[in-house]
Amino acid sequence: MEPVVPHREFLALGGEGVRRLGRENAVVFDVKSALPPEGTDPRL
């Protein structure tokens, strides 16, 4: 899952909330570095 723009809804969910929107073992890359690093996978 790759939300490219830091929409308020994604920011409000946080990294773990965004991860729950995807499938099991989904990879979340925070391209904009808008979420805390502990809630996402390694950054690009």
N, C-alpha and C. Protein backbone atom coordinates (compact mmCIF):
# COMPACT_ATOMS: atom_id res chain seq x y z
N MET A 1 0.85 -1.16 0.00
CA MET A 1 0.00 0.00 0.00
C MET A 1 0.90 1.22 0.00
N GLU A 2 0.60 2.16 -0.86
CA GLU A 2 1.46 3.33 -0.97
C GLU A 2 0.64 4.60 -1.10
N PRO A 3 0.15 5.14 0.02
CA PRO A 3 -0.50 6.46 -0.07
C PRO A 3 0.60 7.51 -0.30
N VAL A 4 0.62 8.12 -1.46
CA VAL A 4 1.71 9.01 -1.84
C VAL A 4 1.54 10.41 -1.24
N VAL A 5 0.32 10.84 -1.03
CA VAL A 5 0.06 12.17 -0.50
C VAL A 5 -0.39 12.03 0.95
N PRO A 6 0.15 12.84 1.88
CA PRO A 6 -0.21 12.70 3.29
C PRO A 6 -1.58 13.27 3.62
N HIS A 7 -2.64 12.60 3.15
CA HIS A 7 -3.99 13.05 3.44
C HIS A 7 -4.25 12.99 4.94
N ARG A 8 -5.07 13.89 5.42
CA ARG A 8 -5.38 13.96 6.85
C ARG A 8 -5.92 12.64 7.39
N GLU A 9 -6.68 11.92 6.58
CA GLU A 9 -7.26 10.66 7.03
C GLU A 9 -6.15 9.63 7.33
N PHE A 10 -5.16 9.57 6.48
CA PHE A 10 -4.05 8.63 6.70
C PHE A 10 -3.23 9.06 7.91
N LEU A 11 -3.02 10.35 8.06
CA LEU A 11 -2.26 10.83 9.21
C LEU A 11 -2.99 10.53 10.51
N ALA A 12 -4.32 10.67 10.50
CA ALA A 12 -5.11 10.41 11.69
C ALA A 12 -5.07 8.92 12.07
N LEU A 13 -4.98 8.05 11.07
CA LEU A 13 -4.92 6.61 11.33
C LEU A 13 -3.58 6.20 11.93
N GLY A 14 -2.52 6.90 11.55
CA GLY A 14 -1.19 6.51 11.99
C GLY A 14 -0.70 5.32 11.17
N GLY A 15 0.53 4.94 11.38
CA GLY A 15 1.14 3.85 10.61
C GLY A 15 0.43 2.52 10.78
N GLU A 16 0.09 2.17 12.01
CA GLU A 16 -0.58 0.89 12.25
C GLU A 16 -1.99 0.89 11.68
N GLY A 17 -2.68 2.01 11.74
CA GLY A 17 -4.02 2.10 11.16
C GLY A 17 -3.99 1.95 9.65
N VAL A 18 -3.01 2.57 9.02
CA VAL A 18 -2.85 2.43 7.57
C VAL A 18 -2.53 0.98 7.23
N ARG A 19 -1.69 0.36 8.02
CA ARG A 19 -1.33 -1.04 7.78
C ARG A 19 -2.56 -1.95 7.85
N ARG A 20 -3.49 -1.67 8.77
CA ARG A 20 -4.70 -2.49 8.90
C ARG A 20 -5.61 -2.37 7.69
N LEU A 21 -5.47 -1.31 6.89
CA LEU A 21 -6.28 -1.17 5.68
C LEU A 21 -5.84 -2.14 4.59
N GLY A 22 -4.60 -2.59 4.66
CA GLY A 22 -4.08 -3.51 3.64
C GLY A 22 -4.30 -4.96 4.01
N ARG A 23 -3.76 -5.82 3.22
CA ARG A 23 -3.83 -7.25 3.48
C ARG A 23 -2.84 -7.64 4.57
N GLU A 24 -2.96 -8.88 5.03
CA GLU A 24 -2.02 -9.39 6.03
C GLU A 24 -0.60 -9.32 5.47
N ASN A 25 0.33 -8.90 6.27
CA ASN A 25 1.74 -8.75 5.88
C ASN A 25 1.95 -7.66 4.83
N ALA A 26 1.03 -6.69 4.76
CA ALA A 26 1.19 -5.58 3.81
C ALA A 26 2.43 -4.78 4.16
N VAL A 27 3.07 -4.23 3.16
CA VAL A 27 4.24 -3.38 3.35
C VAL A 27 3.79 -1.95 3.18
N VAL A 28 4.15 -1.09 4.14
CA VAL A 28 3.76 0.32 4.09
C VAL A 28 5.03 1.16 3.97
N PHE A 29 5.18 1.82 2.81
CA PHE A 29 6.29 2.75 2.60
C PHE A 29 5.75 4.16 2.75
N ASP A 30 6.33 4.93 3.61
CA ASP A 30 5.93 6.32 3.82
C ASP A 30 6.86 7.21 2.99
N VAL A 31 6.50 7.41 1.75
CA VAL A 31 7.35 8.14 0.81
C VAL A 31 7.52 9.59 1.24
N LYS A 32 6.50 10.19 1.82
CA LYS A 32 6.54 11.58 2.24
C LYS A 32 7.07 11.76 3.66
N SER A 33 7.38 10.67 4.36
CA SER A 33 7.84 10.71 5.76
C SER A 33 6.86 11.48 6.65
N ALA A 34 5.58 11.25 6.44
CA ALA A 34 4.53 11.94 7.19
C ALA A 34 4.15 11.20 8.47
N LEU A 35 4.43 9.91 8.53
CA LEU A 35 4.07 9.10 9.69
C LEU A 35 5.30 8.80 10.53
N PRO A 36 5.11 8.49 11.81
CA PRO A 36 6.26 8.12 12.63
C PRO A 36 6.95 6.88 12.07
N PRO A 37 8.27 6.81 12.09
CA PRO A 37 8.99 5.68 11.48
C PRO A 37 8.67 4.33 12.11
N GLU A 38 8.28 4.28 13.39
CA GLU A 38 8.00 2.99 14.02
C GLU A 38 6.70 2.36 13.50
N GLY A 39 5.86 3.12 12.80
CA GLY A 39 4.60 2.58 12.29
C GLY A 39 4.65 2.17 10.84
N THR A 40 5.82 2.33 10.19
CA THR A 40 5.94 2.00 8.78
C THR A 40 7.14 1.10 8.55
N ASP A 41 7.25 0.59 7.34
CA ASP A 41 8.41 -0.21 6.96
C ASP A 41 9.53 0.74 6.56
N PRO A 42 10.73 0.22 6.28
CA PRO A 42 11.85 1.13 5.95
C PRO A 42 11.47 2.14 4.87
N ARG A 43 12.00 3.32 5.02
CA ARG A 43 11.70 4.40 4.08
C ARG A 43 12.60 4.32 2.86
N LEU A 44 12.12 4.91 1.78
CA LEU A 44 12.89 4.92 0.53
C LEU A 44 13.98 5.96 0.60
